[in-house]
C-alpha cells in the first residue's frame, strides 16, 4: 500500500498549480539503505518516490520538504537530491522561556508562575524542542 499512497499523493500534487509535499521525520523513509532499521514499507515508498522526484524539473510545481532531527540517518544519495539544507538549532534560554510563556498562557497557567520561576524553567529545559516544551506545559 505504501507505493500506491506515494503515487496518489504525487498525482494530487502534480495536478495542483503549486504543491508542497512535507515529509516529517523523513529518516523513516529516507534512511540509509541496508540499515538495521530498514522497513519494507518505507523501502517500497522510497522506490516509488525516487523516480517521481527525479523526473521533476527545476520549474516543477512540486516542492518536496523533508524534516528530521536525525540527519545522520538519512542516506547521502537522498540528501544530495534536496536543493538546500536548513539547520534549525534547539531554542536557547530566551526562546525556551518565550515558548513556555505562550504554552502556559494557552493552558491558563502563566499567572501561577512568577518571572523567577519562568526563568528557572528556561534554564532547566536545555535540550528540549518547542514540541517538548508544549508537552511540559500540558
N, C-alpha and C. Protein backbone atom coordinates (compact mmCIF):
# COMPACT_ATOMS: atom_id res chain seq x y z
N UNK A 1 0.79 -1.20 0.00
CA UNK A 1 0.00 0.00 0.00
C UNK A 1 0.83 1.27 0.00
N UNK A 2 2.08 1.18 0.44
CA UNK A 2 2.92 2.39 0.53
C UNK A 2 3.16 2.97 -0.86
N UNK A 3 3.39 2.11 -1.82
CA UNK A 3 3.67 2.56 -3.18
C UNK A 3 2.47 3.31 -3.77
N UNK A 4 1.28 2.77 -3.57
CA UNK A 4 0.06 3.40 -4.08
C UNK A 4 -0.16 4.75 -3.40
N UNK A 5 0.07 4.80 -2.10
CA UNK A 5 -0.11 6.05 -1.36
C UNK A 5 0.83 7.13 -1.89
N UNK A 6 2.08 6.78 -2.17
CA UNK A 6 3.05 7.74 -2.69
C UNK A 6 2.60 8.22 -4.07
N UNK A 7 2.22 7.28 -4.94
CA UNK A 7 1.77 7.68 -6.29
C UNK A 7 0.53 8.57 -6.23
N UNK A 8 -0.41 8.24 -5.35
CA UNK A 8 -1.63 9.04 -5.22
C UNK A 8 -1.32 10.46 -4.75
N UNK A 9 -0.47 10.57 -3.73
CA UNK A 9 -0.12 11.91 -3.22
C UNK A 9 0.64 12.72 -4.27
N UNK A 10 1.54 12.05 -4.99
CA UNK A 10 2.31 12.76 -6.01
C UNK A 10 1.38 13.23 -7.13
N UNK A 11 0.45 12.40 -7.53
CA UNK A 11 -0.51 12.78 -8.58
C UNK A 11 -1.35 13.96 -8.13
N UNK A 12 -1.76 13.96 -6.87
CA UNK A 12 -2.50 15.09 -6.31
C UNK A 12 -1.68 16.36 -6.39
N UNK A 13 -0.43 16.27 -5.99
CA UNK A 13 0.46 17.44 -6.01
C UNK A 13 0.70 17.91 -7.44
N UNK A 14 0.91 16.96 -8.35
CA UNK A 14 1.19 17.31 -9.75
C UNK A 14 0.00 18.00 -10.40
N UNK A 15 -1.21 17.68 -9.95
CA UNK A 15 -2.42 18.28 -10.53
C UNK A 15 -2.65 19.71 -10.05
N UNK A 16 -2.01 20.08 -8.96
CA UNK A 16 -2.19 21.43 -8.40
C UNK A 16 -1.28 22.43 -9.11
N UNK A 17 -1.65 23.70 -9.01
CA UNK A 17 -0.81 24.75 -9.61
C UNK A 17 0.55 24.78 -8.91
N UNK A 18 0.54 24.69 -7.60
CA UNK A 18 1.75 24.57 -6.78
C UNK A 18 1.42 23.66 -5.61
N UNK A 19 2.41 22.90 -5.20
CA UNK A 19 2.18 21.97 -4.09
C UNK A 19 3.45 21.78 -3.29
N UNK A 20 3.26 21.52 -2.00
CA UNK A 20 4.35 21.19 -1.10
C UNK A 20 4.06 19.81 -0.54
N UNK A 21 5.02 18.94 -0.67
CA UNK A 21 4.94 17.63 -0.02
C UNK A 21 5.92 17.70 1.14
N UNK A 22 5.39 17.54 2.33
CA UNK A 22 6.19 17.66 3.54
C UNK A 22 6.33 16.28 4.17
N UNK A 23 7.56 15.82 4.31
CA UNK A 23 7.84 14.53 4.94
C UNK A 23 8.47 14.78 6.31
N UNK A 24 7.66 14.67 7.35
CA UNK A 24 8.18 14.85 8.70
C UNK A 24 8.86 13.55 9.13
N UNK A 25 9.91 13.67 9.90
CA UNK A 25 10.69 12.52 10.32
C UNK A 25 11.05 11.66 9.11
N UNK A 26 11.58 12.34 8.08
CA UNK A 26 11.85 11.68 6.80
C UNK A 26 12.90 10.58 6.87
N UNK A 27 13.66 10.53 7.96
CA UNK A 27 14.63 9.45 8.07
C UNK A 27 13.95 8.09 8.10
N UNK A 28 12.66 8.06 8.45
CA UNK A 28 11.91 6.81 8.45
C UNK A 28 11.74 6.23 7.06
N UNK A 29 11.66 7.10 6.06
CA UNK A 29 11.52 6.64 4.68
C UNK A 29 12.84 6.74 3.94
N UNK A 30 13.65 7.72 4.30
CA UNK A 30 14.88 8.00 3.56
C UNK A 30 16.13 7.57 4.30
N UNK A 31 16.00 6.60 5.17
CA UNK A 31 17.14 6.13 5.95
C UNK A 31 18.20 5.46 5.09
N UNK A 32 19.35 5.30 5.67
CA UNK A 32 20.46 4.65 4.97
C UNK A 32 20.05 3.26 4.52
N UNK A 33 20.35 2.98 3.27
CA UNK A 33 19.99 1.68 2.70
C UNK A 33 20.74 0.56 3.40
N UNK A 34 20.02 -0.53 3.62
CA UNK A 34 20.63 -1.69 4.25
C UNK A 34 20.84 -1.56 5.73
N UNK A 35 20.30 -0.50 6.32
CA UNK A 35 20.47 -0.30 7.76
C UNK A 35 19.65 -1.31 8.55
N UNK A 36 19.97 -1.42 9.81
CA UNK A 36 19.29 -2.37 10.68
C UNK A 36 17.82 -2.01 10.84
N UNK A 37 17.53 -0.71 10.78
CA UNK A 37 16.16 -0.26 10.98
C UNK A 37 15.38 -0.21 9.67
N UNK A 38 15.82 -0.91 8.63
CA UNK A 38 15.13 -0.92 7.36
C UNK A 38 13.72 -1.46 7.53
N UNK A 39 12.80 -0.89 6.78
CA UNK A 39 11.40 -1.25 6.84
C UNK A 39 10.94 -1.49 5.41
N UNK A 40 10.28 -2.61 5.14
CA UNK A 40 9.90 -2.92 3.76
C UNK A 40 8.91 -1.91 3.20
N UNK A 41 7.99 -1.41 4.04
CA UNK A 41 7.04 -0.39 3.58
C UNK A 41 7.75 0.90 3.22
N UNK A 42 8.72 1.29 4.04
CA UNK A 42 9.49 2.50 3.77
C UNK A 42 10.32 2.33 2.51
N UNK A 43 10.93 1.16 2.35
CA UNK A 43 11.74 0.89 1.15
C UNK A 43 10.86 0.95 -0.10
N UNK A 44 9.67 0.39 -0.01
CA UNK A 44 8.73 0.42 -1.14
C UNK A 44 8.33 1.86 -1.47
N UNK A 45 8.04 2.65 -0.44
CA UNK A 45 7.67 4.06 -0.64
C UNK A 45 8.81 4.82 -1.30
N UNK A 46 10.02 4.58 -0.84
CA UNK A 46 11.19 5.28 -1.39
C UNK A 46 11.43 4.87 -2.84
N UNK A 47 11.31 3.58 -3.13
CA UNK A 47 11.50 3.11 -4.52
C UNK A 47 10.47 3.75 -5.46
N UNK A 48 9.30 4.04 -4.96
CA UNK A 48 8.28 4.70 -5.77
C UNK A 48 8.53 6.19 -5.86
N UNK A 49 8.95 6.80 -4.77
CA UNK A 49 9.16 8.26 -4.72
C UNK A 49 10.32 8.72 -5.59
N UNK A 50 11.43 8.01 -5.55
CA UNK A 50 12.64 8.49 -6.24
C UNK A 50 12.44 8.75 -7.73
N UNK A 51 11.85 7.85 -8.51
CA UNK A 51 11.66 8.16 -9.93
C UNK A 51 10.72 9.35 -10.17
N UNK A 52 9.71 9.49 -9.30
CA UNK A 52 8.79 10.63 -9.43
C UNK A 52 9.54 11.93 -9.15
N UNK A 53 10.31 11.92 -8.08
CA UNK A 53 11.09 13.09 -7.66
C UNK A 53 12.16 13.41 -8.69
N UNK A 54 12.88 12.39 -9.16
CA UNK A 54 13.94 12.61 -10.14
C UNK A 54 13.39 13.11 -11.47
N UNK A 55 12.13 12.81 -11.75
CA UNK A 55 11.52 13.25 -13.00
C UNK A 55 11.11 14.71 -13.00
N UNK A 56 11.16 15.33 -11.85
CA UNK A 56 10.78 16.75 -11.76
C UNK A 56 11.90 17.63 -12.31
N UNK A 57 11.51 18.76 -12.86
CA UNK A 57 12.50 19.72 -13.39
C UNK A 57 12.64 20.88 -12.42
N UNK A 58 13.54 21.77 -12.74
CA UNK A 58 13.74 22.96 -11.89
C UNK A 58 12.50 23.84 -11.87
N UNK A 59 11.66 23.74 -12.89
CA UNK A 59 10.46 24.56 -12.97
C UNK A 59 9.24 23.84 -12.42
N UNK A 60 9.43 22.81 -11.67
CA UNK A 60 8.34 22.00 -11.15
C UNK A 60 7.43 22.79 -10.23
N UNK A 61 6.20 22.34 -10.17
CA UNK A 61 5.25 22.94 -9.25
C UNK A 61 5.25 22.23 -7.90
N UNK A 62 6.05 21.18 -7.77
CA UNK A 62 6.09 20.40 -6.54
C UNK A 62 7.38 20.69 -5.77
N UNK A 63 7.21 21.04 -4.51
CA UNK A 63 8.35 21.28 -3.63
C UNK A 63 8.33 20.19 -2.55
N UNK A 64 9.38 19.41 -2.50
CA UNK A 64 9.47 18.34 -1.52
C UNK A 64 10.35 18.82 -0.37
N UNK A 65 9.78 18.80 0.82
CA UNK A 65 10.50 19.24 2.01
C UNK A 65 10.57 18.06 2.97
N UNK A 66 11.77 17.77 3.43
CA UNK A 66 11.96 16.72 4.42
C UNK A 66 12.43 17.32 5.72
N UNK A 67 11.88 16.87 6.82
CA UNK A 67 12.28 17.36 8.14
C UNK A 67 12.75 16.18 8.98
N UNK A 68 13.82 16.42 9.72
CA UNK A 68 14.35 15.38 10.60
C UNK A 68 15.13 16.02 11.72
N UNK A 69 15.17 15.35 12.84
CA UNK A 69 16.09 15.77 13.90
C UNK A 69 17.22 14.76 14.00
N UNK A 70 17.31 13.86 12.99
CA UNK A 70 18.37 12.86 12.95
C UNK A 70 18.96 12.77 11.53
N UNK A 71 19.56 13.84 11.04
CA UNK A 71 20.05 13.86 9.65
C UNK A 71 21.11 12.81 9.36
N UNK A 72 21.83 12.37 10.38
CA UNK A 72 22.87 11.36 10.16
C UNK A 72 22.29 10.02 9.71
N UNK A 73 20.99 9.83 9.88
CA UNK A 73 20.36 8.57 9.47
C UNK A 73 19.88 8.59 8.02
N UNK A 74 19.92 9.74 7.38
CA UNK A 74 19.43 9.85 6.01
C UNK A 74 20.54 9.48 5.03
N UNK A 75 20.18 8.68 4.05
CA UNK A 75 21.12 8.23 3.03
C UNK A 75 21.69 9.45 2.29
N UNK A 76 22.99 9.48 2.10
CA UNK A 76 23.64 10.63 1.45
C UNK A 76 23.16 10.81 0.01
N UNK A 77 22.79 9.73 -0.67
CA UNK A 77 22.26 9.84 -2.03
C UNK A 77 20.93 10.58 -2.04
N UNK A 78 20.20 10.49 -0.97
CA UNK A 78 18.92 11.21 -0.85
C UNK A 78 19.19 12.67 -0.51
N UNK A 79 20.09 12.91 0.42
CA UNK A 79 20.40 14.29 0.82
C UNK A 79 20.83 15.11 -0.38
N UNK A 80 21.59 14.49 -1.29
CA UNK A 80 22.08 15.22 -2.46
C UNK A 80 20.95 15.64 -3.40
N UNK A 81 19.78 15.04 -3.29
CA UNK A 81 18.65 15.41 -4.16
C UNK A 81 17.95 16.69 -3.70
N UNK A 82 18.09 17.02 -2.43
CA UNK A 82 17.48 18.25 -1.92
C UNK A 82 18.31 19.43 -2.39
N UNK A 83 17.66 20.51 -2.75
CA UNK A 83 18.35 21.68 -3.25
C UNK A 83 19.06 22.48 -2.17
N UNK A 84 18.58 22.38 -0.95
CA UNK A 84 19.16 23.15 0.15
C UNK A 84 18.91 22.43 1.46
N UNK A 85 19.71 22.80 2.44
CA UNK A 85 19.56 22.25 3.78
C UNK A 85 19.52 23.41 4.75
N UNK A 86 18.57 23.38 5.65
CA UNK A 86 18.43 24.44 6.64
C UNK A 86 18.50 23.80 8.02
N UNK A 87 19.43 24.27 8.82
CA UNK A 87 19.57 23.76 10.18
C UNK A 87 18.86 24.72 11.13
N UNK A 88 17.95 24.19 11.91
CA UNK A 88 17.27 24.98 12.93
C UNK A 88 17.76 24.49 14.29
N UNK A 89 18.51 25.32 15.00
CA UNK A 89 19.04 24.88 16.29
C UNK A 89 17.93 24.77 17.34
N UNK A 90 18.24 24.08 18.39
CA UNK A 90 17.31 23.99 19.52
C UNK A 90 17.17 25.39 20.11
N UNK A 91 16.01 25.69 20.69
CA UNK A 91 15.82 27.04 21.24
C UNK A 91 16.78 27.32 22.40
N UNK A 92 17.26 28.57 22.43
CA UNK A 92 18.12 28.97 23.55
C UNK A 92 17.23 29.32 24.75
N UNK A 93 17.85 29.76 25.85
CA UNK A 93 17.08 30.01 27.07
C UNK A 93 15.96 31.02 26.85
N UNK A 94 16.26 32.13 26.19
CA UNK A 94 15.23 33.15 25.97
C UNK A 94 14.09 32.60 25.12
N UNK A 95 14.42 31.83 24.08
CA UNK A 95 13.38 31.25 23.23
C UNK A 95 12.56 30.22 24.00
N UNK A 96 13.23 29.42 24.84
CA UNK A 96 12.50 28.42 25.64
C UNK A 96 11.53 29.12 26.59
N UNK A 97 11.98 30.22 27.20
CA UNK A 97 11.10 30.97 28.10
C UNK A 97 9.90 31.53 27.33
N UNK A 98 10.14 32.04 26.13
CA UNK A 98 9.04 32.59 25.33
C UNK A 98 8.06 31.49 24.92
N UNK A 99 8.59 30.34 24.52
CA UNK A 99 7.73 29.22 24.13
C UNK A 99 6.90 28.76 25.33
N UNK A 100 7.57 28.61 26.46
CA UNK A 100 6.85 28.19 27.68
C UNK A 100 5.80 29.22 28.08
N UNK A 101 6.14 30.50 27.96
CA UNK A 101 5.19 31.56 28.32
C UNK A 101 3.92 31.45 27.46
N UNK A 102 4.12 31.26 26.13
CA UNK A 102 2.95 31.11 25.24
C UNK A 102 2.17 29.85 25.58
N UNK A 103 2.87 28.76 25.78
CA UNK A 103 2.19 27.49 26.07
C UNK A 103 1.45 27.56 27.39
N UNK A 104 2.09 28.11 28.41
CA UNK A 104 1.44 28.22 29.72
C UNK A 104 0.24 29.16 29.67
N UNK A 105 0.34 30.21 28.86
CA UNK A 105 -0.78 31.13 28.70
C UNK A 105 -1.96 30.41 28.05
N UNK A 106 -1.66 29.58 27.05
CA UNK A 106 -2.75 28.87 26.36
C UNK A 106 -3.44 27.88 27.30
N UNK A 107 -2.73 27.39 28.31
CA UNK A 107 -3.33 26.49 29.30
C UNK A 107 -3.78 27.24 30.55
N UNK A 108 -3.73 28.58 30.47
CA UNK A 108 -4.14 29.46 31.56
C UNK A 108 -3.38 29.17 32.87
N UNK A 109 -2.09 28.86 32.73
CA UNK A 109 -1.26 28.57 33.89
C UNK A 109 -0.23 29.65 34.16
N UNK A 110 -0.03 30.57 33.23
CA UNK A 110 1.03 31.56 33.37
C UNK A 110 0.90 32.41 34.64
N UNK A 111 -0.30 32.87 35.01
CA UNK A 111 -0.39 33.71 36.21
C UNK A 111 0.11 33.00 37.46
N UNK A 112 0.13 31.66 37.45
CA UNK A 112 0.58 30.91 38.62
C UNK A 112 2.10 30.90 38.78
N UNK A 113 2.84 31.33 37.74
CA UNK A 113 4.30 31.29 37.80
C UNK A 113 4.86 32.70 37.79
N UNK A 114 5.68 33.02 38.78
CA UNK A 114 6.32 34.33 38.80
C UNK A 114 7.46 34.34 37.77
N UNK A 115 7.99 35.49 37.48
CA UNK A 115 9.04 35.60 36.45
C UNK A 115 10.28 34.81 36.84
N UNK A 116 10.60 34.73 38.13
CA UNK A 116 11.77 33.94 38.56
C UNK A 116 11.56 32.46 38.26
N UNK A 117 10.34 31.97 38.46
CA UNK A 117 10.04 30.57 38.15
C UNK A 117 10.09 30.33 36.64
N UNK A 118 9.62 31.30 35.87
CA UNK A 118 9.68 31.18 34.41
C UNK A 118 11.13 31.12 33.95
N UNK A 119 11.98 31.97 34.54
CA UNK A 119 13.41 31.98 34.19
C UNK A 119 14.05 30.65 34.58
N UNK A 120 13.69 30.11 35.73
CA UNK A 120 14.23 28.83 36.17
C UNK A 120 13.82 27.73 35.18
N UNK A 121 12.58 27.73 34.75
CA UNK A 121 12.13 26.74 33.76
C UNK A 121 12.93 26.87 32.47
N UNK A 122 13.20 28.12 32.07
CA UNK A 122 14.00 28.34 30.86
C UNK A 122 15.40 27.76 30.99
N UNK A 123 15.98 27.89 32.18
CA UNK A 123 17.33 27.35 32.43
C UNK A 123 17.33 25.83 32.51
N UNK A 124 16.30 25.27 33.08
CA UNK A 124 16.27 23.83 33.36
C UNK A 124 15.72 22.98 32.21
N UNK A 125 15.42 23.60 31.10
CA UNK A 125 14.85 22.85 29.98
C UNK A 125 15.79 22.81 28.78
N UNK A 126 17.08 22.92 29.04
CA UNK A 126 18.09 22.86 27.98
C UNK A 126 17.92 21.55 27.20
N UNK A 127 17.95 21.65 25.87
CA UNK A 127 17.86 20.46 25.04
C UNK A 127 16.45 20.09 24.63
N UNK A 128 15.45 20.81 25.15
CA UNK A 128 14.07 20.50 24.79
C UNK A 128 13.66 21.31 23.56
N UNK A 129 12.91 20.67 22.70
CA UNK A 129 12.40 21.34 21.50
C UNK A 129 11.12 22.09 21.86
N UNK A 130 10.61 22.85 20.91
CA UNK A 130 9.35 23.55 21.12
C UNK A 130 8.22 22.58 21.43
N UNK A 131 8.20 21.46 20.73
CA UNK A 131 7.16 20.44 20.98
C UNK A 131 7.31 19.90 22.40
N UNK A 132 8.55 19.63 22.81
CA UNK A 132 8.78 19.14 24.17
C UNK A 132 8.29 20.15 25.21
N UNK A 133 8.54 21.42 24.96
CA UNK A 133 8.15 22.46 25.90
C UNK A 133 6.63 22.56 26.00
N UNK A 134 5.93 22.39 24.89
CA UNK A 134 4.46 22.39 24.94
C UNK A 134 3.96 21.19 25.75
N UNK A 135 4.65 20.07 25.63
CA UNK A 135 4.29 18.89 26.42
C UNK A 135 4.50 19.15 27.90
N UNK A 136 5.61 19.83 28.25
CA UNK A 136 5.87 20.17 29.64
C UNK A 136 4.73 21.05 30.17
N UNK A 137 4.32 22.03 29.40
CA UNK A 137 3.25 22.94 29.83
C UNK A 137 1.93 22.19 29.99
N UNK A 138 1.69 21.26 29.11
CA UNK A 138 0.44 20.49 29.16
C UNK A 138 0.42 19.63 30.42
